[in-house]
Amino acid sequence: MTATPLTTALATSDMLIINGLHAFDFTFDQHLLIESMDGRELKRWTFSQEQLNAATFDDSLQSWLLRNDDGEHRLVCLSAIKGDNNNDEDEADDDA
């Protein structure tokens, strides 16, 4: 399996936005499964490897356009900023 730019982005993403909905709950292995709550309704999207490979990137909207049996979907891949809880620098300031 050859990595496409979308599969590379998915491998490093912590959150997705699909059709304007934030999705923290997604799995990406041989296919992509996304779940998101829209009010009280649970929405699910599934994309095969072939559909992921066929996705196109829209430079103007900085998002991916995917197609599945349900139609077209816009996907944005996001990565979270992570802290390391390392206070070595603060401890060094306290020792001075």
C-alpha atoms as a PDB file:
ATOM      1  CA  MET A   1       0.000   0.000   0.000  1.00  0.00           C
ATOM      2  CA  THR A   2       1.423   3.345  -1.065  1.00  0.00           C
ATOM      3  CA  ALA A   3       0.879   6.291   1.274  1.00  0.00           C
ATOM      4  CA  THR A   4      -1.014   9.192  -0.264  1.00  0.00           C
ATOM      5  CA  PRO A   5      -0.841  12.730   1.135  1.00  0.00           C
ATOM      6  CA  LEU A   6      -4.265  12.191   2.748  1.00  0.00           C
ATOM      7  CA  THR A   7      -3.280   8.927   4.432  1.00  0.00           C
ATOM      8  CA  THR A   8      -0.108  10.603   5.674  1.00  0.00           C
ATOM      9  CA  ALA A   9      -2.170  13.485   7.114  1.00  0.00           C
ATOM     10  CA  LEU A  10      -4.618  11.040   8.743  1.00  0.00           C
ATOM     11  CA  ALA A  11      -1.784   9.121  10.404  1.00  0.00           C
ATOM     12  CA  THR A  12      -0.690  12.273  12.250  1.00  0.00           C
ATOM     13  CA  SER A  13      -4.138  13.772  12.953  1.00  0.00           C
ATOM     14  CA  ASP A  14      -5.698  14.043  16.410  1.00  0.00           C
ATOM     15  CA  MET A  15      -9.033  15.441  15.237  1.00  0.00           C
ATOM     16  CA  LEU A  16     -10.982  15.747  12.015  1.00  0.00           C
ATOM     17  CA  ILE A  17     -13.636  18.113  10.775  1.00  0.00           C
ATOM     18  CA  ILE A  18     -16.025  16.437   8.354  1.00  0.00           C
ATOM     19  CA  ASN A  19     -18.802  18.417   6.713  1.00  0.00           C
ATOM     20  CA  GLY A  20     -18.353  21.090   9.392  1.00  0.00           C
ATOM     21  CA  LEU A  21     -18.613  18.664  12.358  1.00  0.00           C
ATOM     22  CA  HIS A  22     -15.714  18.077  14.749  1.00  0.00           C
ATOM     23  CA  ALA A  23     -14.802  14.413  15.057  1.00  0.00           C
ATOM     24  CA  PHE A  24     -12.516  13.251  17.849  1.00  0.00           C
ATOM     25  CA  ASP A  25     -13.606   9.634  17.419  1.00  0.00           C
ATOM     26  CA  PHE A  26     -12.089   8.140  14.291  1.00  0.00           C
ATOM     27  CA  THR A  27     -10.024   5.105  13.365  1.00  0.00           C
ATOM     28  CA  PHE A  28      -7.687   4.819  10.435  1.00  0.00           C
ATOM     29  CA  ASP A  29      -6.133   1.512   9.445  1.00  0.00           C
ATOM     30  CA  GLN A  30      -7.124  -0.164   6.173  1.00  0.00           C
ATOM     31  CA  HIS A  31     -10.101   2.201   5.950  1.00  0.00           C
ATOM     32  CA  LEU A  32     -11.283   5.367   7.671  1.00  0.00           C
ATOM     33  CA  LEU A  33     -14.210   5.270  10.100  1.00  0.00           C
ATOM     34  CA  ILE A  34     -15.419   8.589  11.561  1.00  0.00           C
ATOM     35  CA  GLU A  35     -18.102   9.113  14.202  1.00  0.00           C
ATOM     36  CA  SER A  36     -19.443  12.466  15.360  1.00  0.00           C
ATOM     37  CA  MET A  37     -22.455  13.716  17.299  1.00  0.00           C
ATOM     38  CA  ASP A  38     -24.690  16.204  15.530  1.00  0.00           C
ATOM     39  CA  GLY A  39     -26.971  17.318  18.337  1.00  0.00           C
ATOM     40  CA  ARG A  40     -28.463  14.038  19.548  1.00  0.00           C
ATOM     41  CA  GLU A  41     -27.753  12.185  16.322  1.00  0.00           C
ATOM     42  CA  LEU A  42     -24.665   9.985  15.914  1.00  0.00           C
ATOM     43  CA  LYS A  43     -23.287  10.295  12.399  1.00  0.00           C
ATOM     44  CA  ARG A  44     -20.897   7.779  10.841  1.00  0.00           C
ATOM     45  CA  TRP A  45     -18.800   7.915   7.707  1.00  0.00           C
ATOM     46  CA  THR A  46     -16.699   5.118   6.242  1.00  0.00           C
ATOM     47  CA  PHE A  47     -14.145   5.454   3.464  1.00  0.00           C
ATOM     48  CA  SER A  48     -12.263   2.625   1.788  1.00  0.00           C
ATOM     49  CA  GLN A  49      -8.581   2.753   0.903  1.00  0.00           C
ATOM     50  CA  GLU A  50      -9.530   3.342  -2.744  1.00  0.00           C
ATOM     51  CA  GLN A  51     -11.752   6.282  -1.778  1.00  0.00           C
ATOM     52  CA  LEU A  52      -8.959   7.747   0.356  1.00  0.00           C
ATOM     53  CA  ASN A  53      -6.523   7.396  -2.534  1.00  0.00           C
ATOM     54  CA  ALA A  54      -8.980   9.178  -4.858  1.00  0.00           C
ATOM     55  CA  ALA A  55      -9.423  12.168  -2.494  1.00  0.00           C
ATOM     56  CA  THR A  56      -8.439  15.567  -3.834  1.00  0.00           C
ATOM     57  CA  PHE A  57      -7.003  18.483  -1.867  1.00  0.00           C
ATOM     58  CA  ASP A  58      -8.660  21.892  -2.209  1.00  0.00           C
ATOM     59  CA  ASP A  59      -5.891  24.456  -1.696  1.00  0.00           C
ATOM     60  CA  SER A  60      -8.287  27.395  -1.322  1.00  0.00           C
ATOM     61  CA  LEU A  61     -10.244  25.723   1.513  1.00  0.00           C
ATOM     62  CA  GLN A  62      -7.298  23.731   2.922  1.00  0.00           C
ATOM     63  CA  SER A  63      -9.429  20.585   3.003  1.00  0.00           C
ATOM     64  CA  TRP A  64      -9.868  17.227   1.307  1.00  0.00           C
ATOM     65  CA  LEU A  65     -12.819  16.283  -0.873  1.00  0.00           C
ATOM     66  CA  LEU A  66     -13.790  12.620  -0.528  1.00  0.00           C
ATOM     67  CA  ARG A  67     -16.545  10.617  -2.145  1.00  0.00           C
ATOM     68  CA  ASN A  68     -18.306   7.514  -0.884  1.00  0.00           C
ATOM     69  CA  ASP A  69     -21.694   5.873  -1.436  1.00  0.00           C
ATOM     70  CA  ASP A  70     -23.335   8.760   0.485  1.00  0.00           C
ATOM     71  CA  GLY A  71     -21.901  11.460  -1.782  1.00  0.00           C
ATOM     72  CA  GLU A  72     -19.199  14.123  -1.377  1.00  0.00           C
ATOM     73  CA  HIS A  73     -17.674  15.046   1.965  1.00  0.00           C
ATOM     74  CA  ARG A  74     -15.224  17.770   2.989  1.00  0.00           C
ATOM     75  CA  LEU A  75     -12.525  16.706   5.450  1.00  0.00           C
ATOM     76  CA  VAL A  76     -10.011  18.791   7.411  1.00  0.00           C
ATOM     77  CA  CYS A  77      -7.198  17.034   9.314  1.00  0.00           C
ATOM     78  CA  LEU A  78      -6.045  18.714  12.535  1.00  0.00           C
ATOM     79  CA  SER A  79      -3.183  18.005  14.919  1.00  0.00           C
ATOM     80  CA  ALA A  80      -3.302  19.014  18.565  1.00  0.00           C
ATOM     81  CA  ILE A  81      -0.616  20.985  20.334  1.00  0.00           C
ATOM     82  CA  LYS A  82       0.826  18.765  23.017  1.00  0.00           C
ATOM     83  CA  GLY A  83       2.666  19.755  26.169  1.00  0.00           C
ATOM     84  CA  ASP A  84       5.232  17.569  27.840  1.00  0.00           C
ATOM     85  CA  ASN A  85       4.606  18.621  31.476  1.00  0.00           C
ATOM     86  CA  ASN A  86       8.339  19.003  31.809  1.00  0.00           C
ATOM     87  CA  ASN A  87       9.061  21.747  34.319  1.00  0.00           C
ATOM     88  CA  ASP A  88      12.864  21.531  34.147  1.00  0.00           C
ATOM     89  CA  GLU A  89      13.083  25.127  32.961  1.00  0.00           C
ATOM     90  CA  ASP A  90      10.855  26.346  35.816  1.00  0.00           C
ATOM     91  CA  GLU A  91      12.876  24.371  38.366  1.00  0.00           C
ATOM     92  CA  ALA A  92      16.099  25.887  37.021  1.00  0.00           C
ATOM     93  CA  ASP A  93      14.639  29.380  37.516  1.00  0.00           C
ATOM     94  CA  ASP A  94      13.675  28.529  41.114  1.00  0.00           C
ATOM     95  CA  ASP A  95      17.220  27.376  41.911  1.00  0.00           C
ATOM     96  CA  ALA A  96      18.779  30.666  40.790  1.00  0.00           C
END
